[in-house]
Amino acid sequence: MVKRALEYQNLKAFSVPKGFRGKSKLVVQLWWIIESTLFAWSPQFFYGWRRFLLRSFGAKIGKNVLIRSSVRCTYPWKISIGDYSWIGENCTLYSLGEISIGENVAIAHDVYLNTGSHDYQSTKFEIGAKKVIVEDECWITNDVYVAPGVTIEKGCVVGARSSVFKSLPEGWVCYGNPAKPIKKRIEKETHHYRD
């Protein structure tokens, strides 16, 4: 009796679901060309130009958002970024699904927000996407990976080189692989003086 080899994945059977990208292949390719040239070649201080390019492709970008020229955005039409947020050098917004970044969010360098994955239990290796949410006033420090379906709640700090596989709570400092809440973020008191 011959033992039949088990098949784990057959990439020949893979296909992207209709409408998955959210725009036509032509628009996707046009964006990737623009991103690799006009966006990537722009001087550091051309923040307004990069906001304009992203908005032209459907991204919802708030006022005074600072996005570096080395940032990569897979599908801008699936990205929203609130007012006064920063996206640092070499970040990847892998927006196969929606990415929502709140206001006053600081995303440091080499951060990877990932919304897409494959079904490893299917031999067709189907692709899927889950939304990533970074709420207001978060600080995502250097070299952090954020997995599909994660919400990082308001005011959370994620430490360098952490891997975030589950949602993180409001107002906590979290780090590790996997990232876990370590201690509460301390708010500094703001004193308001009256005349």
N, C-alpha and C. Protein backbone atom coordinates (compact mmCIF):
# COMPACT_ATOMS: atom_id res chain seq x y z
N MET A 1 0.84 -1.18 0.00
CA MET A 1 0.00 0.00 0.00
C MET A 1 0.89 1.25 0.00
N VAL A 2 0.62 2.16 -0.95
CA VAL A 2 1.40 3.39 -1.07
C VAL A 2 0.75 4.48 -0.24
N LYS A 3 1.56 5.12 0.58
CA LYS A 3 1.05 6.21 1.41
C LYS A 3 0.98 7.49 0.58
N ARG A 4 -0.20 8.11 0.54
CA ARG A 4 -0.40 9.33 -0.23
C ARG A 4 0.12 10.53 0.57
N ALA A 5 0.92 11.36 -0.09
CA ALA A 5 1.47 12.55 0.55
C ALA A 5 0.35 13.55 0.82
N LEU A 6 0.37 14.13 2.00
CA LEU A 6 -0.61 15.14 2.37
C LEU A 6 -0.26 16.46 1.71
N GLU A 7 -1.25 17.12 1.14
CA GLU A 7 -1.02 18.43 0.51
C GLU A 7 -1.41 19.53 1.49
N TYR A 8 -0.48 20.43 1.76
CA TYR A 8 -0.74 21.52 2.71
C TYR A 8 -1.19 22.79 2.02
N GLN A 9 -0.53 23.15 0.91
CA GLN A 9 -0.96 24.31 0.16
C GLN A 9 -0.61 24.15 -1.29
N ASN A 10 -1.51 24.61 -2.13
CA ASN A 10 -1.35 24.53 -3.57
C ASN A 10 -1.54 25.94 -4.12
N LEU A 11 -0.46 26.67 -4.31
CA LEU A 11 -0.55 28.07 -4.70
C LEU A 11 -1.08 28.25 -6.12
N LYS A 12 -1.05 27.19 -6.90
CA LYS A 12 -1.65 27.25 -8.23
C LYS A 12 -3.16 27.46 -8.13
N ALA A 13 -3.76 27.02 -7.03
CA ALA A 13 -5.21 27.15 -6.84
C ALA A 13 -5.61 28.48 -6.20
N PHE A 14 -4.62 29.30 -5.81
CA PHE A 14 -4.90 30.57 -5.14
C PHE A 14 -5.48 31.60 -6.10
N SER A 15 -6.43 32.38 -5.61
CA SER A 15 -6.92 33.53 -6.38
C SER A 15 -7.38 34.61 -5.41
N VAL A 16 -7.25 35.86 -5.85
CA VAL A 16 -7.69 37.00 -5.04
C VAL A 16 -9.19 37.16 -5.24
N PRO A 17 -9.97 37.22 -4.15
CA PRO A 17 -11.43 37.37 -4.29
C PRO A 17 -11.81 38.63 -5.04
N LYS A 18 -12.89 38.57 -5.78
CA LYS A 18 -13.37 39.72 -6.54
C LYS A 18 -13.67 40.87 -5.59
N GLY A 19 -13.17 42.06 -5.92
CA GLY A 19 -13.42 43.25 -5.12
C GLY A 19 -12.54 43.38 -3.88
N PHE A 20 -11.63 42.44 -3.66
CA PHE A 20 -10.81 42.43 -2.44
C PHE A 20 -9.94 43.69 -2.33
N ARG A 21 -9.39 44.12 -3.46
CA ARG A 21 -8.50 45.29 -3.43
C ARG A 21 -9.26 46.60 -3.20
N GLY A 22 -10.53 46.62 -3.57
CA GLY A 22 -11.32 47.83 -3.39
C GLY A 22 -11.26 48.79 -4.57
N LYS A 23 -10.34 48.59 -5.47
CA LYS A 23 -10.20 49.37 -6.71
C LYS A 23 -9.71 48.43 -7.80
N SER A 24 -9.73 48.90 -9.04
CA SER A 24 -9.28 48.08 -10.16
C SER A 24 -7.76 47.86 -10.11
N LYS A 25 -7.31 46.83 -10.82
CA LYS A 25 -5.87 46.56 -10.91
C LYS A 25 -5.12 47.76 -11.47
N LEU A 26 -5.75 48.47 -12.39
CA LEU A 26 -5.13 49.64 -13.00
C LEU A 26 -4.88 50.74 -11.97
N VAL A 27 -5.88 51.01 -11.11
CA VAL A 27 -5.73 52.03 -10.07
C VAL A 27 -4.66 51.60 -9.06
N VAL A 28 -4.68 50.33 -8.70
CA VAL A 28 -3.66 49.80 -7.77
C VAL A 28 -2.26 50.02 -8.35
N GLN A 29 -2.05 49.65 -9.61
CA GLN A 29 -0.73 49.80 -10.23
C GLN A 29 -0.33 51.27 -10.34
N LEU A 30 -1.31 52.13 -10.67
CA LEU A 30 -1.03 53.56 -10.77
C LEU A 30 -0.57 54.11 -9.42
N TRP A 31 -1.27 53.70 -8.34
CA TRP A 31 -0.86 54.15 -7.01
C TRP A 31 0.55 53.69 -6.69
N TRP A 32 0.87 52.43 -6.97
CA TRP A 32 2.20 51.91 -6.65
C TRP A 32 3.30 52.65 -7.41
N ILE A 33 3.00 53.07 -8.65
CA ILE A 33 3.97 53.87 -9.42
C ILE A 33 4.14 55.24 -8.78
N ILE A 34 3.03 55.89 -8.45
CA ILE A 34 3.07 57.21 -7.80
C ILE A 34 3.81 57.12 -6.46
N GLU A 35 3.49 56.08 -5.68
CA GLU A 35 4.12 55.91 -4.37
C GLU A 35 5.63 55.74 -4.50
N SER A 36 6.07 55.01 -5.50
CA SER A 36 7.50 54.72 -5.69
C SER A 36 8.27 55.89 -6.29
N THR A 37 7.55 56.88 -6.81
CA THR A 37 8.22 58.01 -7.46
C THR A 37 7.87 59.32 -6.77
N LEU A 38 6.73 59.90 -7.11
CA LEU A 38 6.36 61.23 -6.62
C LEU A 38 6.26 61.30 -5.11
N PHE A 39 5.79 60.24 -4.48
CA PHE A 39 5.68 60.18 -3.02
C PHE A 39 7.06 59.95 -2.40
N ALA A 40 7.73 58.90 -2.84
CA ALA A 40 9.01 58.48 -2.23
C ALA A 40 10.14 59.47 -2.49
N TRP A 41 10.11 60.17 -3.61
CA TRP A 41 11.18 61.09 -3.95
C TRP A 41 10.99 62.47 -3.32
N SER A 42 9.86 62.71 -2.69
CA SER A 42 9.58 64.05 -2.17
C SER A 42 10.48 64.36 -0.96
N PRO A 43 10.94 65.62 -0.85
CA PRO A 43 11.76 66.01 0.31
C PRO A 43 11.01 65.81 1.62
N GLN A 44 11.76 65.63 2.68
CA GLN A 44 11.16 65.34 3.99
C GLN A 44 10.06 66.32 4.37
N PHE A 45 10.27 67.61 4.13
CA PHE A 45 9.32 68.62 4.60
C PHE A 45 8.10 68.79 3.69
N PHE A 46 7.96 67.98 2.63
CA PHE A 46 6.80 68.05 1.73
C PHE A 46 5.62 67.25 2.28
N TYR A 47 5.28 67.46 3.54
CA TYR A 47 4.19 66.70 4.16
C TYR A 47 2.86 66.98 3.46
N GLY A 48 2.62 68.23 3.11
CA GLY A 48 1.37 68.59 2.43
C GLY A 48 1.22 67.89 1.09
N TRP A 49 2.32 67.75 0.37
CA TRP A 49 2.32 67.05 -0.93
C TRP A 49 1.94 65.58 -0.75
N ARG A 50 2.52 64.94 0.26
CA ARG A 50 2.21 63.52 0.48
C ARG A 50 0.77 63.34 0.95
N ARG A 51 0.28 64.26 1.78
CA ARG A 51 -1.14 64.21 2.17
C ARG A 51 -2.03 64.34 0.94
N PHE A 52 -1.66 65.26 0.05
CA PHE A 52 -2.43 65.45 -1.18
C PHE A 52 -2.47 64.18 -2.02
N LEU A 53 -1.32 63.53 -2.22
CA LEU A 53 -1.27 62.31 -3.03
C LEU A 53 -2.14 61.21 -2.42
N LEU A 54 -2.03 61.02 -1.11
CA LEU A 54 -2.83 59.99 -0.45
C LEU A 54 -4.33 60.29 -0.55
N ARG A 55 -4.69 61.55 -0.32
CA ARG A 55 -6.11 61.93 -0.45
C ARG A 55 -6.61 61.74 -1.88
N SER A 56 -5.74 61.99 -2.86
CA SER A 56 -6.13 61.82 -4.27
C SER A 56 -6.49 60.37 -4.59
N PHE A 57 -5.96 59.44 -3.79
CA PHE A 57 -6.27 58.02 -3.97
C PHE A 57 -7.23 57.51 -2.89
N GLY A 58 -7.95 58.43 -2.25
CA GLY A 58 -9.05 58.03 -1.38
C GLY A 58 -8.75 57.90 0.09
N ALA A 59 -7.51 58.16 0.52
CA ALA A 59 -7.20 58.09 1.95
C ALA A 59 -7.88 59.26 2.67
N LYS A 60 -8.31 59.00 3.90
CA LYS A 60 -8.88 60.07 4.73
C LYS A 60 -7.77 60.52 5.68
N ILE A 61 -7.20 61.69 5.38
CA ILE A 61 -6.05 62.20 6.12
C ILE A 61 -6.45 63.50 6.80
N GLY A 62 -6.28 63.57 8.12
CA GLY A 62 -6.63 64.75 8.89
C GLY A 62 -5.65 65.89 8.68
N LYS A 63 -5.87 66.98 9.42
CA LYS A 63 -5.02 68.15 9.25
C LYS A 63 -3.69 67.97 9.99
N ASN A 64 -2.67 68.54 9.35
CA ASN A 64 -1.31 68.56 9.90
C ASN A 64 -0.75 67.17 10.23
N VAL A 65 -1.18 66.17 9.48
CA VAL A 65 -0.61 64.82 9.62
C VAL A 65 0.78 64.82 8.97
N LEU A 66 1.76 64.25 9.66
CA LEU A 66 3.13 64.19 9.15
C LEU A 66 3.45 62.75 8.76
N ILE A 67 3.63 62.53 7.46
CA ILE A 67 3.94 61.20 6.92
C ILE A 67 5.25 61.30 6.18
N ARG A 68 6.22 60.47 6.56
CA ARG A 68 7.53 60.48 5.92
C ARG A 68 7.46 59.86 4.52
N SER A 69 8.42 60.21 3.69
CA SER A 69 8.40 59.78 2.28
C SER A 69 8.71 58.30 2.10
N SER A 70 9.28 57.65 3.12
CA SER A 70 9.60 56.22 3.02
C SER A 70 8.46 55.31 3.49
N VAL A 71 7.33 55.90 3.88
CA VAL A 71 6.16 55.11 4.31
C VAL A 71 5.56 54.40 3.10
N ARG A 72 5.11 53.17 3.31
CA ARG A 72 4.45 52.39 2.24
C ARG A 72 2.99 52.14 2.62
N CYS A 73 2.10 52.47 1.70
CA CYS A 73 0.65 52.29 1.91
C CYS A 73 0.12 51.41 0.79
N THR A 74 -0.31 50.21 1.08
CA THR A 74 -0.72 49.28 0.03
C THR A 74 -1.92 49.81 -0.74
N TYR A 75 -3.02 50.07 -0.06
CA TYR A 75 -4.23 50.61 -0.69
C TYR A 75 -4.67 51.84 0.11
N PRO A 76 -4.33 53.06 -0.34
CA PRO A 76 -4.64 54.26 0.44
C PRO A 76 -6.12 54.43 0.73
N TRP A 77 -6.98 53.98 -0.16
CA TRP A 77 -8.42 54.14 0.01
C TRP A 77 -8.97 53.34 1.19
N LYS A 78 -8.14 52.54 1.83
CA LYS A 78 -8.56 51.80 3.02
C LYS A 78 -7.91 52.35 4.30
N ILE A 79 -7.34 53.56 4.21
CA ILE A 79 -6.61 54.15 5.34
C ILE A 79 -7.27 55.44 5.79
N SER A 80 -7.41 55.60 7.11
CA SER A 80 -7.82 56.89 7.67
C SER A 80 -6.87 57.25 8.82
N ILE A 81 -6.45 58.52 8.84
CA ILE A 81 -5.51 59.01 9.86
C ILE A 81 -6.05 60.33 10.39
N GLY A 82 -6.18 60.43 11.71
CA GLY A 82 -6.72 61.62 12.34
C GLY A 82 -5.74 62.77 12.44
N ASP A 83 -6.24 63.92 12.85
CA ASP A 83 -5.47 65.15 12.93
C ASP A 83 -4.22 64.99 13.80
N TYR A 84 -3.16 65.67 13.37
CA TYR A 84 -1.91 65.82 14.12
C TYR A 84 -1.18 64.50 14.43
N SER A 85 -1.42 63.48 13.64
CA SER A 85 -0.71 62.22 13.85
C SER A 85 0.55 62.16 13.01
N TRP A 86 1.50 61.33 13.43
CA TRP A 86 2.79 61.16 12.76
C TRP A 86 2.96 59.71 12.33
N ILE A 87 3.50 59.53 11.12
CA ILE A 87 3.88 58.20 10.64
C ILE A 87 5.35 58.29 10.24
N GLY A 88 6.22 57.52 10.94
CA GLY A 88 7.66 57.66 10.80
C GLY A 88 8.28 56.90 9.64
N GLU A 89 9.60 57.00 9.57
CA GLU A 89 10.38 56.38 8.48
C GLU A 89 10.14 54.88 8.36
N ASN A 90 10.05 54.43 7.12
CA ASN A 90 10.00 53.00 6.77
C ASN A 90 8.84 52.24 7.40
N CYS A 91 7.75 52.93 7.71
CA CYS A 91 6.56 52.23 8.21
C CYS A 91 5.80 51.63 7.04
N THR A 92 5.13 50.53 7.29
CA THR A 92 4.28 49.88 6.29
C THR A 92 2.86 49.84 6.80
N LEU A 93 1.96 50.44 6.03
CA LEU A 93 0.53 50.34 6.31
C LEU A 93 -0.01 49.33 5.30
N TYR A 94 0.03 48.06 5.68
CA TYR A 94 -0.35 46.97 4.78
C TYR A 94 -1.87 46.84 4.81
N SER A 95 -2.49 47.71 4.05
CA SER A 95 -3.93 47.94 4.14
C SER A 95 -4.74 47.08 3.16
N LEU A 96 -4.58 45.76 3.25
CA LEU A 96 -5.49 44.88 2.51
C LEU A 96 -6.89 45.04 3.08
N GLY A 97 -6.96 45.30 4.39
CA GLY A 97 -8.19 45.68 5.07
C GLY A 97 -8.02 47.10 5.56
N GLU A 98 -9.02 47.59 6.27
CA GLU A 98 -8.98 48.97 6.73
C GLU A 98 -7.96 49.17 7.86
N ILE A 99 -7.32 50.33 7.82
CA ILE A 99 -6.46 50.79 8.91
C ILE A 99 -7.00 52.13 9.37
N SER A 100 -7.32 52.21 10.66
CA SER A 100 -7.83 53.45 11.24
C SER A 100 -6.86 53.91 12.33
N ILE A 101 -6.27 55.09 12.11
CA ILE A 101 -5.34 55.68 13.06
C ILE A 101 -5.98 56.96 13.57
N GLY A 102 -6.06 57.12 14.88
CA GLY A 102 -6.75 58.25 15.47
C GLY A 102 -5.96 59.55 15.43
N GLU A 103 -6.37 60.49 16.27
CA GLU A 103 -5.72 61.79 16.37
C GLU A 103 -4.57 61.75 17.38
N ASN A 104 -3.57 62.60 17.11
CA ASN A 104 -2.42 62.72 18.02
C ASN A 104 -1.72 61.39 18.29
N VAL A 105 -1.65 60.57 17.27
CA VAL A 105 -0.97 59.27 17.36
C VAL A 105 0.46 59.44 16.84
N ALA A 106 1.43 58.93 17.58
CA ALA A 106 2.83 58.93 17.13
C ALA A 106 3.22 57.49 16.80
N ILE A 107 3.42 57.25 15.51
CA ILE A 107 3.90 55.94 15.06
C ILE A 107 5.35 56.14 14.64
N ALA A 108 6.27 55.51 15.34
CA ALA A 108 7.70 55.72 15.12
C ALA A 108 8.16 55.02 13.84
N HIS A 109 9.42 54.64 13.79
CA HIS A 109 10.03 54.11 12.57
C HIS A 109 9.94 52.58 12.50
N ASP A 110 9.84 52.08 11.27
CA ASP A 110 9.85 50.64 10.99
C ASP A 110 8.68 49.89 11.64
N VAL A 111 7.55 50.54 11.77
CA VAL A 111 6.35 49.90 12.32
C VAL A 111 5.58 49.26 11.17
N TYR A 112 5.04 48.06 11.40
CA TYR A 112 4.30 47.31 10.37
C TYR A 112 2.89 47.05 10.88
N LEU A 113 1.92 47.76 10.29
CA LEU A 113 0.51 47.51 10.60
C LEU A 113 -0.03 46.57 9.53
N ASN A 114 -0.37 45.36 9.93
CA ASN A 114 -0.74 44.30 8.99
C ASN A 114 -2.21 43.95 9.11
N THR A 115 -2.96 44.11 8.04
CA THR A 115 -4.38 43.72 8.06
C THR A 115 -4.65 42.41 7.33
N GLY A 116 -3.66 41.87 6.63
CA GLY A 116 -3.91 40.70 5.78
C GLY A 116 -3.25 39.43 6.25
N SER A 117 -3.87 38.31 5.88
CA SER A 117 -3.30 37.00 6.19
C SER A 117 -3.88 35.95 5.25
N HIS A 118 -3.38 34.74 5.37
CA HIS A 118 -3.87 33.61 4.57
C HIS A 118 -4.40 32.53 5.50
N ASP A 119 -5.31 31.73 4.98
CA ASP A 119 -5.85 30.60 5.73
C ASP A 119 -4.91 29.41 5.56
N TYR A 120 -4.10 29.17 6.56
CA TYR A 120 -3.10 28.10 6.45
C TYR A 120 -3.73 26.70 6.50
N GLN A 121 -5.00 26.62 6.88
CA GLN A 121 -5.67 25.31 6.92
C GLN A 121 -6.33 24.95 5.58
N SER A 122 -6.31 25.88 4.65
CA SER A 122 -6.88 25.65 3.33
C SER A 122 -5.76 25.40 2.32
N THR A 123 -5.90 24.37 1.52
CA THR A 123 -4.89 24.12 0.49
C THR A 123 -4.89 25.22 -0.57
N LYS A 124 -6.01 25.96 -0.69
CA LYS A 124 -6.06 27.09 -1.65
C LYS A 124 -5.42 28.35 -1.09
N PHE A 125 -5.04 28.34 0.20
CA PHE A 125 -4.29 29.43 0.82
C PHE A 125 -5.04 30.76 0.68
N GLU A 126 -6.36 30.71 0.92
CA GLU A 126 -7.20 31.90 0.73
C GLU A 126 -6.69 33.09 1.52
N ILE A 127 -6.86 34.28 0.92
CA ILE A 127 -6.43 35.52 1.56
C ILE A 127 -7.62 36.18 2.24
N GLY A 128 -7.35 36.86 3.36
CA GLY A 128 -8.40 37.57 4.06
C GLY A 128 -7.81 38.81 4.72
N ALA A 129 -8.69 39.64 5.28
CA ALA A 129 -8.23 40.87 5.91
C ALA A 129 -9.09 41.19 7.12
N LYS A 130 -8.47 41.78 8.14
CA LYS A 130 -9.17 42.25 9.34
C LYS A 130 -8.65 43.63 9.68
N LYS A 131 -9.55 44.51 10.07
CA LYS A 131 -9.22 45.91 10.36
C LYS A 131 -8.26 46.04 11.54
N VAL A 132 -7.34 47.00 11.43
CA VAL A 132 -6.46 47.39 12.52
C VAL A 132 -6.84 48.80 12.95
N ILE A 133 -6.99 49.00 14.26
CA ILE A 133 -7.38 50.30 14.81
C ILE A 133 -6.32 50.73 15.83
N VAL A 134 -5.82 51.94 15.64
CA VAL A 134 -4.95 52.58 16.62
C VAL A 134 -5.70 53.83 17.08
N GLU A 135 -6.17 53.81 18.32
CA GLU A 135 -7.00 54.91 18.80
C GLU A 135 -6.16 56.15 19.13
N ASP A 136 -6.85 57.24 19.46
CA ASP A 136 -6.21 58.53 19.73
C ASP A 136 -5.11 58.41 20.79
N GLU A 137 -4.07 59.26 20.61
CA GLU A 137 -3.04 59.50 21.61
C GLU A 137 -2.18 58.29 21.95
N CYS A 138 -2.09 57.35 21.03
CA CYS A 138 -1.18 56.20 21.22
C CYS A 138 0.22 56.55 20.74
N TRP A 139 1.20 55.86 21.30
CA TRP A 139 2.57 55.94 20.82
C TRP A 139 3.03 54.53 20.52
N ILE A 140 3.25 54.26 19.23
CA ILE A 140 3.77 52.96 18.79
C ILE A 140 5.24 53.20 18.48
N THR A 141 6.13 52.64 19.30
CA THR A 141 7.55 52.94 19.16
C THR A 141 8.19 52.07 18.07
N ASN A 142 9.52 52.13 17.95
CA ASN A 142 10.22 51.55 16.81
C ASN A 142 10.06 50.04 16.65
N ASP A 143 9.94 49.64 15.38
CA ASP A 143 10.04 48.24 14.98
C ASP A 143 8.97 47.36 15.61
N VAL A 144 7.75 47.88 15.67
CA VAL A 144 6.62 47.14 16.24
C VAL A 144 5.81 46.49 15.10
N TYR A 145 5.38 45.26 15.33
CA TYR A 145 4.48 44.55 14.41
C TYR A 145 3.10 44.47 15.03
N VAL A 146 2.08 44.86 14.25
CA VAL A 146 0.69 44.78 14.71
C VAL A 146 -0.08 43.85 13.77
N ALA A 147 -0.71 42.82 14.34
CA ALA A 147 -1.38 41.77 13.57
C ALA A 147 -2.80 42.17 13.15
N PRO A 148 -3.36 41.47 12.16
CA PRO A 148 -4.73 41.74 11.73
C PRO A 148 -5.74 41.62 12.87
N GLY A 149 -6.72 42.53 12.86
CA GLY A 149 -7.82 42.47 13.82
C GLY A 149 -7.54 43.10 15.16
N VAL A 150 -6.36 43.69 15.34
CA VAL A 150 -5.96 44.26 16.63
C VAL A 150 -6.49 45.69 16.78
N THR A 151 -6.93 46.03 18.00
CA THR A 151 -7.22 47.40 18.39
C THR A 151 -6.26 47.80 19.51
N ILE A 152 -5.58 48.91 19.31
CA ILE A 152 -4.72 49.47 20.34
C ILE A 152 -5.49 50.67 20.88
N GLU A 153 -5.92 50.57 22.12
CA GLU A 153 -6.85 51.55 22.67
C GLU A 153 -6.16 52.86 23.06
N LYS A 154 -6.97 53.88 23.27
CA LYS A 154 -6.52 55.25 23.49
C LYS A 154 -5.40 55.35 24.53
N GLY A 155 -4.36 56.13 24.16
CA GLY A 155 -3.29 56.43 25.10
C GLY A 155 -2.32 55.30 25.38
N CYS A 156 -2.43 54.19 24.68
CA CYS A 156 -1.55 53.04 24.89
C CYS A 156 -0.17 53.34 24.31
N VAL A 157 0.87 52.87 24.99
CA VAL A 157 2.24 52.94 24.50
C VAL A 157 2.69 51.50 24.22
N VAL A 158 3.23 51.27 23.02
CA VAL A 158 3.73 49.93 22.67
C VAL A 158 5.24 50.04 22.53
N GLY A 159 5.97 49.27 23.35
CA GLY A 159 7.43 49.35 23.41
C GLY A 159 8.11 48.80 22.18
N ALA A 160 9.35 49.22 21.98
CA ALA A 160 10.15 48.87 20.81
C ALA A 160 10.25 47.37 20.61
N ARG A 161 10.18 46.99 19.35
CA ARG A 161 10.32 45.60 18.88
C ARG A 161 9.28 44.65 19.44
N SER A 162 8.15 45.18 19.83
CA SER A 162 7.06 44.32 20.31
C SER A 162 6.28 43.75 19.14
N SER A 163 5.63 42.62 19.39
CA SER A 163 4.72 42.00 18.43
C SER A 163 3.33 41.97 19.06
N VAL A 164 2.39 42.65 18.42
CA VAL A 164 1.05 42.80 18.99
C VAL A 164 0.09 41.87 18.25
N PHE A 165 -0.33 40.79 18.93
CA PHE A 165 -1.23 39.81 18.34
C PHE A 165 -2.64 39.90 18.90
N LYS A 166 -2.80 40.59 20.04
CA LYS A 166 -4.11 40.77 20.66
C LYS A 166 -4.28 42.23 21.02
N SER A 167 -5.52 42.68 21.10
CA SER A 167 -5.81 44.08 21.41
C SER A 167 -5.22 44.48 22.76
N LEU A 168 -4.83 45.76 22.86
CA LEU A 168 -4.18 46.28 24.06
C LEU A 168 -5.06 47.35 24.69
N PRO A 169 -5.05 47.44 26.05
CA PRO A 169 -6.00 48.31 26.76
C PRO A 169 -5.57 49.78 26.80
N GLU A 170 -6.57 50.62 27.04
CA GLU A 170 -6.36 52.06 27.13
C GLU A 170 -5.42 52.43 28.26
N GLY A 171 -4.48 53.35 27.95
CA GLY A 171 -3.66 53.96 28.97
C GLY A 171 -2.60 53.08 29.60
N TRP A 172 -2.20 52.02 28.93
CA TRP A 172 -1.18 51.13 29.47
C TRP A 172 0.08 51.19 28.62
N VAL A 173 1.22 50.94 29.25
CA VAL A 173 2.48 50.71 28.55
C VAL A 173 2.59 49.21 28.36
N CYS A 174 2.75 48.80 27.10
CA CYS A 174 2.76 47.38 26.76
C CYS A 174 4.02 47.07 25.94
N TYR A 175 4.60 45.91 26.18
CA TYR A 175 5.70 45.49 25.32
C TYR A 175 5.92 43.99 25.46
N GLY A 176 6.73 43.48 24.53
CA GLY A 176 7.07 42.06 24.55
C GLY A 176 6.64 41.35 23.29
N ASN A 177 6.94 40.07 23.27
CA ASN A 177 6.55 39.21 22.15
C ASN A 177 5.96 37.92 22.71
N PRO A 178 4.63 37.87 22.86
CA PRO A 178 3.64 38.87 22.44
C PRO A 178 3.56 40.04 23.42
N ALA A 179 3.13 41.20 22.92
CA ALA A 179 3.01 42.40 23.76
C ALA A 179 1.93 42.20 24.81
N LYS A 180 2.24 42.63 26.04
CA LYS A 180 1.31 42.53 27.16
C LYS A 180 1.36 43.82 27.96
N PRO A 181 0.26 44.17 28.64
CA PRO A 181 0.28 45.36 29.51
C PRO A 181 1.27 45.16 30.65
N ILE A 182 2.13 46.15 30.86
CA ILE A 182 3.17 46.07 31.90
C ILE A 182 2.86 47.02 33.06
N LYS A 183 2.53 48.26 32.72
CA LYS A 183 2.20 49.23 33.76
C LYS A 183 1.31 50.32 33.17
N LYS A 184 0.61 51.02 34.04
CA LYS A 184 -0.25 52.12 33.60
C LYS A 184 0.60 53.28 33.11
N ARG A 185 0.12 53.94 32.08
CA ARG A 185 0.77 55.15 31.60
C ARG A 185 0.41 56.29 32.57
N ILE A 186 1.41 57.02 33.01
CA ILE A 186 1.17 58.09 33.99
C ILE A 186 0.87 59.38 33.25
N GLU A 187 -0.28 59.97 33.58
CA GLU A 187 -0.63 61.26 32.98
C GLU A 187 0.02 62.36 33.81
N LYS A 188 0.60 63.31 33.11
CA LYS A 188 1.12 64.49 33.80
C LYS A 188 -0.03 65.46 34.02
N GLU A 189 -0.06 66.04 35.18
CA GLU A 189 -1.13 67.00 35.47
C GLU A 189 -0.90 68.27 34.66
N THR A 190 -2.00 68.78 34.13
CA THR A 190 -1.95 70.05 33.41
C THR A 190 -2.59 71.10 34.29
N HIS A 191 -1.84 72.15 34.58
CA HIS A 191 -2.35 73.22 35.43
C HIS A 191 -2.88 74.34 34.55
N HIS A 192 -4.10 74.73 34.79
CA HIS A 192 -4.71 75.85 34.06
C HIS A 192 -4.79 77.03 35.01
N TYR A 193 -4.16 78.12 34.61
CA TYR A 193 -4.16 79.31 35.45
C TYR A 193 -5.19 80.31 34.94
N ARG A 194 -5.87 80.93 35.86
CA ARG A 194 -6.85 81.96 35.51
C ARG A 194 -6.28 83.32 35.80
N ASP A 195 -6.62 84.28 34.96
CA ASP A 195 -6.20 85.66 35.19
C ASP A 195 -7.00 86.29 36.32
